N, C-alpha and C. Protein backbone atom coordinates (compact mmCIF):
# COMPACT_ATOMS: atom_id res chain seq x y z
N MET A 1 -140.94 -54.17 -170.83
CA MET A 1 -139.73 -54.88 -171.19
C MET A 1 -140.02 -56.38 -171.16
N GLY A 2 -139.30 -57.09 -172.02
CA GLY A 2 -139.54 -58.52 -172.13
C GLY A 2 -140.59 -58.88 -173.15
N THR A 3 -141.26 -57.88 -173.71
CA THR A 3 -142.29 -58.12 -174.72
C THR A 3 -141.65 -58.44 -176.07
N THR A 4 -142.18 -59.43 -176.75
CA THR A 4 -141.72 -59.77 -178.09
C THR A 4 -142.55 -58.99 -179.10
N VAL A 5 -141.85 -58.37 -180.06
CA VAL A 5 -142.53 -57.59 -181.09
C VAL A 5 -142.15 -58.12 -182.46
N ASP A 6 -143.05 -57.96 -183.41
CA ASP A 6 -142.78 -58.31 -184.80
C ASP A 6 -142.37 -57.05 -185.55
N ALA A 7 -141.55 -57.20 -186.56
CA ALA A 7 -141.19 -56.07 -187.40
C ALA A 7 -142.46 -55.45 -187.97
N GLY A 8 -142.61 -54.17 -187.80
CA GLY A 8 -143.80 -53.47 -188.27
C GLY A 8 -144.95 -53.50 -187.29
N GLY A 9 -144.80 -54.24 -186.19
CA GLY A 9 -145.84 -54.30 -185.17
C GLY A 9 -145.84 -53.05 -184.30
N THR A 10 -146.94 -52.81 -183.63
CA THR A 10 -147.09 -51.62 -182.80
C THR A 10 -146.34 -51.76 -181.49
N LEU A 11 -145.54 -50.73 -181.17
CA LEU A 11 -144.82 -50.66 -179.90
C LEU A 11 -145.56 -49.80 -178.88
N GLY A 12 -146.28 -48.82 -179.37
CA GLY A 12 -146.97 -47.88 -178.49
C GLY A 12 -147.50 -46.71 -179.29
N GLU A 13 -147.72 -45.60 -178.61
CA GLU A 13 -148.25 -44.40 -179.25
C GLU A 13 -147.53 -43.16 -178.76
N VAL A 14 -147.49 -42.15 -179.61
CA VAL A 14 -147.06 -40.82 -179.21
C VAL A 14 -148.24 -39.90 -179.44
N GLU A 15 -148.39 -38.93 -178.57
CA GLU A 15 -149.54 -38.06 -178.60
C GLU A 15 -149.08 -36.61 -178.64
N SER A 16 -149.74 -35.82 -179.49
CA SER A 16 -149.52 -34.38 -179.52
C SER A 16 -150.84 -33.71 -179.19
N THR A 17 -150.87 -32.41 -179.24
CA THR A 17 -152.11 -31.70 -178.91
C THR A 17 -153.20 -31.95 -179.95
N LYS A 18 -152.81 -32.33 -181.17
CA LYS A 18 -153.79 -32.49 -182.24
C LYS A 18 -153.98 -33.93 -182.72
N SER A 19 -153.07 -34.83 -182.39
CA SER A 19 -153.21 -36.18 -182.93
C SER A 19 -152.49 -37.22 -182.08
N VAL A 20 -152.76 -38.47 -182.40
CA VAL A 20 -152.09 -39.61 -181.79
C VAL A 20 -151.54 -40.46 -182.93
N SER A 21 -150.28 -40.87 -182.82
CA SER A 21 -149.66 -41.70 -183.84
C SER A 21 -149.08 -42.95 -183.21
N GLU A 22 -149.20 -44.06 -183.91
CA GLU A 22 -148.63 -45.30 -183.42
C GLU A 22 -147.14 -45.34 -183.71
N ILE A 23 -146.40 -46.08 -182.87
CA ILE A 23 -144.98 -46.30 -183.06
C ILE A 23 -144.82 -47.76 -183.50
N TYR A 24 -144.12 -47.98 -184.60
CA TYR A 24 -143.96 -49.31 -185.15
C TYR A 24 -142.54 -49.82 -184.93
N ALA A 25 -142.42 -51.10 -184.63
CA ALA A 25 -141.11 -51.72 -184.42
C ALA A 25 -140.36 -51.81 -185.74
N PRO A 26 -139.12 -51.35 -185.77
CA PRO A 26 -138.34 -51.42 -187.01
C PRO A 26 -137.81 -52.82 -187.30
N ILE A 27 -137.83 -53.68 -186.27
CA ILE A 27 -137.28 -55.02 -186.38
C ILE A 27 -137.99 -55.92 -185.36
N GLY A 28 -138.06 -57.19 -185.65
CA GLY A 28 -138.68 -58.12 -184.71
C GLY A 28 -137.68 -58.56 -183.65
N GLY A 29 -138.16 -58.76 -182.44
CA GLY A 29 -137.30 -59.20 -181.36
C GLY A 29 -137.93 -58.96 -180.01
N THR A 30 -137.08 -58.88 -179.00
CA THR A 30 -137.54 -58.69 -177.62
C THR A 30 -137.13 -57.31 -177.12
N VAL A 31 -138.06 -56.58 -176.54
CA VAL A 31 -137.76 -55.27 -175.96
C VAL A 31 -136.95 -55.50 -174.69
N THR A 32 -135.73 -54.95 -174.67
CA THR A 32 -134.83 -55.16 -173.54
C THR A 32 -134.70 -53.93 -172.65
N ALA A 33 -135.09 -52.76 -173.15
CA ALA A 33 -135.01 -51.53 -172.36
C ALA A 33 -135.98 -50.51 -172.90
N ARG A 34 -136.44 -49.64 -172.03
CA ARG A 34 -137.27 -48.51 -172.46
C ARG A 34 -136.75 -47.26 -171.78
N ASN A 35 -136.98 -46.13 -172.39
CA ASN A 35 -136.46 -44.87 -171.89
C ASN A 35 -137.50 -44.23 -170.97
N ASP A 36 -137.40 -44.52 -169.68
CA ASP A 36 -138.35 -43.98 -168.71
C ASP A 36 -138.23 -42.47 -168.53
N ALA A 37 -137.13 -41.87 -168.96
CA ALA A 37 -136.95 -40.42 -168.85
C ALA A 37 -137.98 -39.67 -169.69
N LEU A 38 -138.53 -40.32 -170.71
CA LEU A 38 -139.51 -39.65 -171.58
C LEU A 38 -140.82 -39.36 -170.87
N ALA A 39 -141.11 -40.05 -169.78
CA ALA A 39 -142.34 -39.79 -169.04
C ALA A 39 -142.34 -38.37 -168.46
N ASP A 40 -141.18 -37.91 -168.05
CA ASP A 40 -141.06 -36.56 -167.48
C ASP A 40 -140.60 -35.52 -168.49
N ALA A 41 -140.00 -35.96 -169.59
CA ALA A 41 -139.47 -35.02 -170.58
C ALA A 41 -139.71 -35.55 -172.00
N PRO A 42 -140.98 -35.61 -172.44
CA PRO A 42 -141.27 -36.15 -173.78
C PRO A 42 -140.67 -35.34 -174.91
N GLU A 43 -140.31 -34.10 -174.64
CA GLU A 43 -139.71 -33.24 -175.67
C GLU A 43 -138.36 -33.77 -176.15
N LEU A 44 -137.75 -34.68 -175.39
CA LEU A 44 -136.48 -35.28 -175.80
C LEU A 44 -136.60 -36.04 -177.11
N ILE A 45 -137.77 -36.54 -177.42
CA ILE A 45 -137.97 -37.26 -178.68
C ILE A 45 -137.64 -36.36 -179.86
N ASN A 46 -138.05 -35.10 -179.79
CA ASN A 46 -137.76 -34.14 -180.87
C ASN A 46 -136.40 -33.49 -180.71
N ALA A 47 -136.01 -33.18 -179.48
CA ALA A 47 -134.78 -32.45 -179.25
C ALA A 47 -133.53 -33.31 -179.46
N SER A 48 -133.62 -34.59 -179.13
CA SER A 48 -132.44 -35.46 -179.20
C SER A 48 -132.84 -36.90 -179.53
N PRO A 49 -133.43 -37.12 -180.72
CA PRO A 49 -133.98 -38.45 -181.03
C PRO A 49 -132.93 -39.57 -181.10
N TYR A 50 -131.68 -39.24 -181.40
CA TYR A 50 -130.66 -40.28 -181.54
C TYR A 50 -129.80 -40.43 -180.29
N MET A 51 -130.00 -39.60 -179.30
CA MET A 51 -129.21 -39.69 -178.07
C MET A 51 -130.13 -39.87 -176.87
N GLU A 52 -130.67 -38.79 -176.34
CA GLU A 52 -131.47 -38.85 -175.13
C GLU A 52 -132.94 -39.19 -175.36
N GLY A 53 -133.41 -39.07 -176.60
CA GLY A 53 -134.82 -39.28 -176.90
C GLY A 53 -135.17 -40.65 -177.44
N TRP A 54 -134.29 -41.61 -177.26
CA TRP A 54 -134.58 -42.96 -177.75
C TRP A 54 -135.80 -43.52 -177.03
N LEU A 55 -136.49 -44.44 -177.67
CA LEU A 55 -137.72 -45.00 -177.10
C LEU A 55 -137.49 -46.35 -176.44
N VAL A 56 -137.01 -47.33 -177.22
CA VAL A 56 -136.79 -48.67 -176.70
C VAL A 56 -135.53 -49.27 -177.34
N GLU A 57 -135.00 -50.28 -176.68
CA GLU A 57 -133.94 -51.11 -177.27
C GLU A 57 -134.57 -52.47 -177.54
N ILE A 58 -134.27 -53.02 -178.71
CA ILE A 58 -134.82 -54.32 -179.11
C ILE A 58 -133.67 -55.26 -179.43
N GLU A 59 -133.69 -56.43 -178.82
CA GLU A 59 -132.74 -57.48 -179.17
C GLU A 59 -133.34 -58.26 -180.32
N PRO A 60 -132.74 -58.21 -181.49
CA PRO A 60 -133.33 -58.87 -182.65
C PRO A 60 -133.45 -60.38 -182.48
N SER A 61 -134.55 -60.93 -182.97
CA SER A 61 -134.72 -62.38 -182.96
C SER A 61 -133.92 -63.01 -184.08
N ASP A 62 -133.62 -62.24 -185.13
CA ASP A 62 -132.81 -62.69 -186.24
C ASP A 62 -131.78 -61.61 -186.55
N SER A 63 -130.54 -61.83 -186.16
CA SER A 63 -129.52 -60.79 -186.29
C SER A 63 -129.27 -60.39 -187.75
N THR A 64 -129.57 -61.24 -188.70
CA THR A 64 -129.37 -60.87 -190.11
C THR A 64 -130.43 -59.87 -190.57
N ALA A 65 -131.53 -59.75 -189.85
CA ALA A 65 -132.59 -58.80 -190.21
C ALA A 65 -132.13 -57.36 -190.02
N VAL A 66 -131.12 -57.14 -189.21
CA VAL A 66 -130.61 -55.78 -188.97
C VAL A 66 -130.07 -55.20 -190.27
N ASP A 67 -129.46 -56.02 -191.10
CA ASP A 67 -128.90 -55.56 -192.36
C ASP A 67 -129.97 -55.07 -193.33
N ALA A 68 -131.18 -55.59 -193.18
CA ALA A 68 -132.28 -55.20 -194.07
C ALA A 68 -132.83 -53.86 -193.63
């Protein structure tokens, strides 16, 4: 948390039994929260991606970029 990311920049990685994929920031800004529950229950990413499986919250550096 507190890390500044650029739109399209790497936030981290997700790993499956066969591959590793990078996670890209959808918008530039500052990471204000991360979902620590995923450390114990990574299946939430697939089971509930819009509710319990969220990855990070980003405060946009340019609020007009959200519209894009």
